[in-house]
Protein backbone atom coordinates (compact mmCIF):
# COMPACT_ATOMS: atom_id res chain seq x y z
CA MET A 1 51.59 -53.94 36.45
CA ILE A 2 54.68 -51.71 36.37
CA ASN A 3 56.36 -53.72 39.17
CA ILE A 4 55.72 -56.97 37.31
CA LEU A 5 57.32 -55.57 34.16
CA LEU A 6 60.31 -54.30 36.11
CA HIS A 7 60.66 -57.57 37.94
CA ILE A 8 60.76 -59.46 34.66
CA ALA A 9 63.32 -57.04 33.27
CA PHE A 10 65.56 -57.28 36.31
CA GLN A 11 65.30 -61.05 36.42
CA SER A 12 66.86 -61.11 32.96
CA GLY A 13 70.12 -60.18 34.60
CA GLU A 14 70.58 -57.05 32.50
CA PHE A 15 69.12 -54.64 34.98
CA TYR A 16 68.78 -56.72 38.08
CA ASN A 17 71.27 -55.36 40.58
CA GLU A 18 70.49 -54.78 44.18
CA GLY A 19 72.96 -51.97 44.27
CA ASN A 20 71.44 -50.13 41.40
CA SER A 21 68.29 -48.94 43.23
CA PHE A 22 68.47 -45.50 41.60
CA LEU A 23 67.91 -46.97 38.14
CA SER A 24 65.07 -49.11 39.47
CA ASP A 25 63.37 -46.11 41.05
CA PHE A 26 63.85 -44.05 37.91
CA LEU A 27 62.26 -46.68 35.69
CA ILE A 28 59.38 -47.16 38.09
CA ASN A 29 58.73 -43.39 38.19
CA ALA A 30 59.08 -43.11 34.41
CA PHE A 31 56.57 -45.89 33.79
CA GLY A 32 54.23 -44.33 36.32
CA ALA A 33 54.47 -40.94 34.68
CA LEU A 34 53.87 -42.53 31.29
CA ILE A 35 50.77 -44.34 32.50
CA GLY A 36 49.51 -41.16 34.16
CA THR A 37 50.06 -39.17 30.99
CA LEU A 38 48.33 -41.78 28.85
CA THR A 39 45.43 -41.87 31.28
CA ALA A 40 45.11 -38.07 31.22
CA LEU A 41 45.29 -38.02 27.43
CA THR A 42 42.65 -40.74 27.22
CA ILE A 43 40.32 -38.80 29.52
CA PHE A 44 40.99 -35.60 27.55
CA TRP A 45 40.31 -37.37 24.25
CA LEU A 46 37.09 -38.93 25.58
CA THR A 47 35.99 -35.50 26.88
CA ILE A 48 36.62 -33.90 23.50
CA LYS A 49 34.78 -36.73 21.77
CA HIS A 50 31.85 -36.33 24.17
CA ASP A 51 31.77 -32.56 23.66
CA ARG A 52 31.88 -32.98 19.91
CA LYS A 53 29.07 -35.49 20.08
CA ASN A 54 26.97 -33.09 22.18
CA LYS A 55 27.77 -30.21 19.85
CA LYS A 56 26.79 -32.29 16.83
CA ALA A 57 23.58 -33.38 18.55
CA ASN A 58 22.75 -29.74 19.37
CA GLU A 59 23.45 -28.70 15.78
CA VAL A 60 21.18 -31.46 14.48
CA LYS A 61 18.50 -30.36 16.96
CA VAL A 62 18.76 -26.69 15.92
CA ILE A 63 18.61 -27.64 12.22
CA SER A 64 15.55 -29.80 12.86
CA GLN A 65 13.82 -27.02 14.81
CA ARG A 66 14.52 -24.46 12.09
CA LEU A 67 13.25 -26.69 9.33
CA HIS A 68 10.10 -27.66 11.24
CA TYR A 69 9.42 -23.96 11.88
CA PHE A 70 10.13 -23.23 8.20
CA SER A 71 7.77 -26.03 7.16
CA SER A 72 5.06 -24.82 9.57
CA ILE A 73 5.08 -21.29 8.14
CA VAL A 74 4.97 -22.58 4.56
CA ASN A 75 2.00 -24.83 5.35
CA ASN A 76 0.19 -21.94 7.02
CA ILE A 77 0.82 -19.77 3.97
CA THR A 78 -0.64 -22.34 1.57
CA ASP A 79 -3.73 -22.65 3.79
CA ILE A 80 -4.24 -18.88 3.93
CA VAL A 81 -3.71 -18.42 0.19
CA THR A 82 -6.17 -21.22 -0.61
CA LYS A 83 -8.81 -19.60 1.61
CA GLN A 84 -8.03 -16.14 0.24
CA ASN A 85 -8.61 -17.37 -3.28
CA VAL A 86 -12.18 -18.36 -2.38
CA PHE A 87 -12.86 -14.73 -1.42
CA LEU A 88 -11.14 -13.40 -4.54
CA LYS A 89 -13.34 -15.57 -6.74
CA ASP A 90 -16.45 -14.42 -4.90
CA PHE A 91 -15.36 -10.78 -5.36
CA PHE A 92 -14.75 -10.78 -9.11
CA GLU A 93 -17.92 -12.80 -9.80
CA LYS A 94 -20.03 -10.27 -7.86
CA GLN A 95 -18.24 -7.39 -9.57
CA ARG A 96 -19.07 -8.82 -12.99
CA LYS A 97 -22.77 -8.93 -12.11
CA ASP A 98 -22.81 -5.33 -10.87
CA THR A 99 -20.11 -3.23 -12.49
CA LEU A 100 -21.42 -0.02 -10.98
CA ASN A 101 -20.63 -0.92 -7.39
CA ILE A 102 -17.44 -2.37 -5.96
CA PRO A 103 -18.42 -5.20 -3.59
CA LEU A 104 -16.83 -5.78 -0.22
CA ILE A 105 -13.86 -8.11 -0.30
CA THR A 106 -12.45 -10.20 2.51
CA LEU A 107 -8.68 -9.92 2.75
CA LEU A 108 -7.27 -12.39 5.24
CA PRO A 109 -4.34 -11.43 7.49
CA ASP A 110 -1.05 -12.01 5.71
CA ASN A 111 1.01 -12.33 8.90
CA ASP A 112 2.71 -15.55 7.84
CA LEU A 113 3.61 -14.13 4.44
CA ARG A 114 5.26 -11.18 6.13
CA ARG A 115 6.76 -13.37 8.85
CA PHE A 116 8.39 -15.55 6.23
CA SER A 117 9.75 -12.57 4.30
CA GLU A 118 11.08 -11.05 7.50
CA LEU A 119 12.74 -14.22 8.83
CA GLN A 120 15.94 -13.37 10.65
CA ASN A 121 19.15 -15.08 9.52
CA HIS A 122 17.95 -16.29 6.13
CA GLU A 123 21.41 -17.73 5.60
CA ASP A 124 21.02 -19.98 8.66
CA TYR A 125 17.81 -21.44 7.26
CA TYR A 126 19.50 -21.86 3.89
CA HIS A 127 22.41 -23.82 5.36
CA ALA A 128 20.08 -25.79 7.64
CA TYR A 129 18.06 -26.88 4.59
CA LEU A 130 21.14 -27.87 2.59
CA SER A 131 22.96 -29.60 5.46
CA LYS A 132 19.82 -31.64 6.12
CA PHE A 133 19.07 -32.68 2.55
CA SER A 134 22.32 -32.18 0.55
CA TYR A 135 24.25 -29.39 -1.09
CA SER A 136 23.24 -30.41 -4.60
CA SER A 137 22.15 -27.82 -7.17
CA GLU A 138 18.69 -29.41 -7.18
CA THR A 139 18.28 -28.84 -3.43
CA VAL A 140 19.57 -25.28 -3.73
CA GLU A 141 17.00 -24.57 -6.47
CA GLU A 142 14.27 -26.24 -4.43
CA TYR A 143 15.01 -24.00 -1.45
CA ARG A 144 15.09 -20.87 -3.58
CA CYS A 145 11.70 -21.78 -5.06
CA PHE A 146 10.14 -21.41 -1.61
CA TYR A 147 11.25 -17.80 -1.45
CA SER A 148 10.41 -17.12 -5.09
CA TYR A 149 6.83 -18.38 -4.73
CA ILE A 150 6.17 -16.77 -1.36
CA ASP A 151 7.66 -13.42 -2.39
CA PHE A 152 5.41 -13.52 -5.46
CA LEU A 153 2.31 -14.24 -3.37
CA LYS A 154 3.14 -11.43 -0.97
CA ALA A 155 3.76 -8.99 -3.83
CA GLN A 156 0.41 -9.93 -5.40
CA ILE A 157 -1.60 -9.41 -2.23
CA ASP A 158 0.20 -6.09 -1.56
CA GLN A 159 -0.57 -5.03 -5.12
CA LEU A 160 -4.20 -6.06 -4.68
CA ARG A 161 -4.58 -4.03 -1.47
CA ASP A 162 -3.08 -0.96 -3.11
CA ARG A 163 -5.15 -1.43 -6.27
CA LEU A 164 -8.40 -1.77 -4.35
CA MET A 165 -7.73 1.23 -2.11
CA LYS A 166 -7.03 3.46 -5.10
CA SER A 167 -9.98 2.04 -7.08
CA ILE A 168 -12.44 2.53 -4.23
CA GLN A 169 -11.31 6.12 -3.74
CA TYR A 170 -11.43 6.86 -7.48
CA ASP A 171 -14.81 5.15 -7.76
CA HIS A 172 -16.14 7.33 -4.93
CA ASP A 173 -14.78 10.51 -6.52
CA ARG A 174 -16.29 9.67 -9.92
CA LYS A 175 -19.67 8.89 -8.39
CA VAL A 176 -19.69 12.18 -6.51
CA LYS A 177 -18.89 14.01 -9.73
CA TYR A 178 -21.58 12.08 -11.61
CA LYS A 179 -24.23 12.90 -9.04
CA ILE A 180 -23.27 16.57 -9.05
CA LEU A 181 -23.63 16.70 -12.83
CA VAL A 182 -26.97 14.89 -12.86
CA GLU A 183 -28.43 16.91 -10.01
CA LYS A 184 -27.34 20.12 -11.77
CA ALA A 185 -29.03 18.86 -14.97
CA MET A 186 -32.19 18.12 -12.97
CA ASP A 187 -32.06 21.57 -11.38
CA ASP A 188 -31.62 23.13 -14.81
CA THR A 189 -34.55 21.07 -16.06
CA ALA A 190 -36.74 22.28 -13.22
CA ARG A 191 -35.65 25.88 -13.86
CA ILE A 192 -36.46 25.60 -17.58
CA VAL A 193 -39.92 24.30 -16.75
CA GLY A 194 -40.41 26.93 -14.05
CA THR A 195 -39.35 29.82 -16.26
CA ALA A 196 -41.69 28.67 -19.04
CA THR A 197 -44.55 28.28 -16.57
CA ILE A 198 -44.08 31.76 -15.13
CA SER A 199 -43.96 33.35 -18.56
CA ASN A 200 -46.85 31.16 -19.68
CA ARG A 201 -44.81 29.82 -22.60
CA ILE A 202 -44.96 26.09 -21.95
CA THR A 203 -44.25 24.13 -25.10
CA GLU A 204 -44.11 20.42 -25.81
CA PHE A 205 -40.42 20.49 -24.80
CA GLU A 206 -41.09 21.92 -21.34
CA MET A 207 -44.00 19.52 -20.88
CA PHE A 208 -41.68 16.63 -21.72
CA LEU A 209 -39.06 17.83 -19.21
CA ASN A 210 -41.68 18.27 -16.52
CA GLN A 211 -43.05 14.77 -17.12
CA SER A 212 -39.49 13.35 -16.99
CA LEU A 213 -38.95 14.84 -13.53
CA LEU A 214 -42.32 13.56 -12.36
CA ASN A 215 -41.53 10.08 -13.69
CA PHE A 216 -38.20 9.97 -11.88
CA TYR A 217 -39.55 11.08 -8.51
CA SER A 218 -42.70 8.96 -8.75
CA ILE A 219 -40.76 5.72 -9.07
CA GLU A 220 -39.94 4.02 -5.80
CA ASN A 221 -36.20 3.80 -6.06
CA ASP A 222 -33.06 4.28 -4.13
CA HIS A 223 -31.76 7.74 -4.89
CA PHE A 224 -28.29 6.61 -3.80
CA ASP A 225 -28.26 4.11 -6.64
CA LEU A 226 -26.78 5.80 -9.66
CA ASN A 227 -28.40 3.22 -11.92
CA ASN A 228 -31.72 4.88 -11.16
CA TYR A 229 -30.45 8.31 -12.16
CA GLN A 230 -29.06 6.91 -15.39
CA SER A 231 -32.01 4.66 -16.27
CA PHE A 232 -34.94 6.85 -15.25
CA PHE A 233 -33.70 10.34 -16.02
CA VAL A 234 -30.40 10.75 -17.86
CA GLU A 235 -30.93 8.24 -20.68
CA PRO A 236 -34.63 8.92 -21.37
CA VAL A 237 -34.17 12.71 -21.45
CA LYS A 238 -30.96 12.54 -23.48
CA ILE A 239 -32.41 10.19 -26.10
CA GLU A 240 -35.64 12.18 -26.44
CA ILE A 241 -33.80 15.48 -26.85
CA ILE A 242 -31.55 14.03 -29.54
CA LYS A 243 -34.58 12.60 -31.34
CA LYS A 244 -36.98 15.55 -31.16
CA TYR A 245 -35.31 18.70 -29.89
CA ALA A 246 -31.90 18.73 -31.54
CA LYS A 247 -32.53 22.26 -32.83
CA ASN A 248 -33.50 23.64 -29.46
CA GLU A 249 -30.52 25.56 -28.03
CA ILE A 250 -31.63 25.15 -24.42
CA ALA A 251 -32.22 21.45 -25.02
CA LEU A 252 -28.73 21.08 -26.49
CA GLN A 253 -27.16 22.72 -23.43
CA LEU A 254 -29.04 20.29 -21.23
CA VAL A 255 -28.08 17.27 -23.31
CA SER A 256 -24.43 18.35 -23.12
CA GLU A 257 -24.58 18.02 -19.33
CA LEU A 258 -26.30 14.66 -19.62
CA LYS A 259 -23.62 13.42 -22.03
CA LYS A 260 -20.90 14.35 -19.54
CA ALA A 261 -22.74 12.42 -16.85
CA THR A 262 -23.15 9.46 -19.19
CA TYR A 263 -19.44 9.46 -19.96
CA ILE A 264 -18.57 9.34 -16.25
CA PHE A 265 -21.18 6.65 -15.65
CA SER A 266 -19.65 4.57 -18.44
CA GLU A 267 -16.17 5.21 -17.06
CA ILE A 268 -17.24 3.97 -13.63
CA THR A 269 -18.66 0.71 -14.95
CA THR A 270 -15.72 0.17 -17.34
CA LEU A 271 -13.09 0.68 -14.65
CA ASN A 272 -14.96 -1.50 -12.18
CA TYR A 273 -15.18 -4.26 -14.76
CA LYS A 274 -11.43 -3.92 -15.22
CA ILE A 275 -10.99 -4.37 -11.46
CA SER A 276 -12.84 -7.68 -11.70
CA CYS A 277 -10.46 -8.73 -14.50
CA ASP A 278 -7.41 -7.74 -12.46
CA VAL A 279 -8.64 -9.66 -9.42
CA GLU A 280 -9.42 -12.69 -11.56
CA ASN A 281 -5.90 -12.50 -12.96
CA ILE A 282 -4.48 -12.48 -9.42
CA TYR A 283 -6.80 -15.36 -8.54
CA GLU A 284 -5.46 -17.47 -11.41
CA LYS A 285 -1.83 -16.68 -10.57
CA TYR A 286 -2.51 -17.44 -6.91
CA ASN A 287 -3.93 -20.81 -7.87
CA GLU A 288 -0.97 -21.65 -10.05
CA VAL A 289 1.74 -20.56 -7.61
CA CYS A 290 -0.06 -21.97 -4.57
CA SER A 291 -0.29 -25.33 -6.30
CA GLU A 292 3.49 -25.37 -6.84
CA LEU A 293 4.11 -24.20 -3.28
CA GLU A 294 1.88 -26.96 -1.90
CA LYS A 295 3.95 -29.54 -3.79
CA LEU A 296 7.16 -28.16 -2.27
CA ALA A 297 5.58 -28.00 1.19
CA MET A 298 4.41 -31.61 0.95
CA LYS A 299 7.84 -32.71 -0.25
CA LEU A 300 9.49 -30.93 2.68
CA SER A 301 7.07 -32.44 5.18
CA ASN A 302 7.73 -35.94 3.82
CA LYS A 303 11.48 -35.40 3.96
CA LEU A 304 11.33 -34.22 7.56
CA GLU A 305 9.13 -37.15 8.51
CA ASN A 306 11.43 -39.67 6.85
CA THR A 307 14.63 -38.23 8.31
CA SER A 308 13.40 -37.51 11.84
């Protein structure tokens, strides 16, 4: 190609001169160098273009992988929260029926909640989400809602665990104290009856106390159930003393112990009822937030499906 161009140029008469071989060689070498340079630049440019294309493809792949992982965790979280809510509802309904005893509750593993909160490079996921779907304020808010909802759900379940642990321990301590008070009152009752029997001074009051003890122990009941203590001993004895023996000093000392026990018994049932209200409150918030999170998760899944 170069020789043809030179030949045409020399044929014009301007450069054609058999004696001027130096100029001919120079032009041939110059054109050759130019073509070589252009070829090298073309190869270099194509290489850069190829590398950029590969880099872009890798970036798109990484973004897609991050968002699919992000979507997978969110979907797992909504599934777990939905299942957890079934157990929360079962718990507070049982607690309402029996406010004396805290029922067992099933708390599902919250690994995905923690995994989401502990995601490394949150900023990378943020930019992956925006670069995939747009940098609009609406998309930014949408992304932040994921974290807002999931952080709320995690905080609620952490609060619930802490609340239940403290409530169970406090409930145990109050029940131990209640039983100590009632058993002391029963021991005092037996001692009053015994002392009167030994001194042969049994009155209607001692006969009543003796019959109250016999009634309690004759009933087939679970002595670990504090309802039985309250229903078959504490309340009957307390009410009868207040009605008939309010002027009896010994009776008043006994009723004072029974009132303390009754106060603790009432405190136990009141606090346990409050637990059921707290759990129901968490249940309702879980339902509300989980519903919003499911909408976001579905929207994300549809977007990924449509842009894949």
